[in-house]
Structure formats: C-alpha cells, structure tokens
C-alpha cells in the first residue's frame, strides 16, 4: 500500500491569509516561521502570536498585528 500523506498540524494566519504547514516547516518554531513570513508580510514582524487548538486537532497560530503610528 502507499503511505498516506501526514495531515498538517499547524495553520499560520495573518489577517485573512492562511498558510498551511508543509514538510519544509515541520521542524521550525513559531519565531522561525515569523522570520520567513515577515519578508512577505511585514506586519508579522511585531505581531503578537496567539495559538489555539482546533476541533480537528490542528493548531492555529495567528499573528495579530499591533497598532502603531505612521510617520
């Protein structure tokens, strides 16, 4: 039999964007993922991290942007 792919265990969310964990992210901490994501999503750099377990057992990691000043 063929082996079934492993179900993703983490979902990273910033705003309305969701990034589902793949094999390249399995061993990374939340801070390491933040370093990768902040290149594309600069608001992640200073965001608060909130983690919760979903009903299906996966973990939702939300990057909540902090209000700041312009200028």
Foldseek 3Di string as FASTA:
>chain_A
DDDDDDDFQEWEDEDHDIDTDDPVCPPPDPVVVLVVCCVVVVQLPPFDWDWDADPVGHIYIYGHGDDDDDD
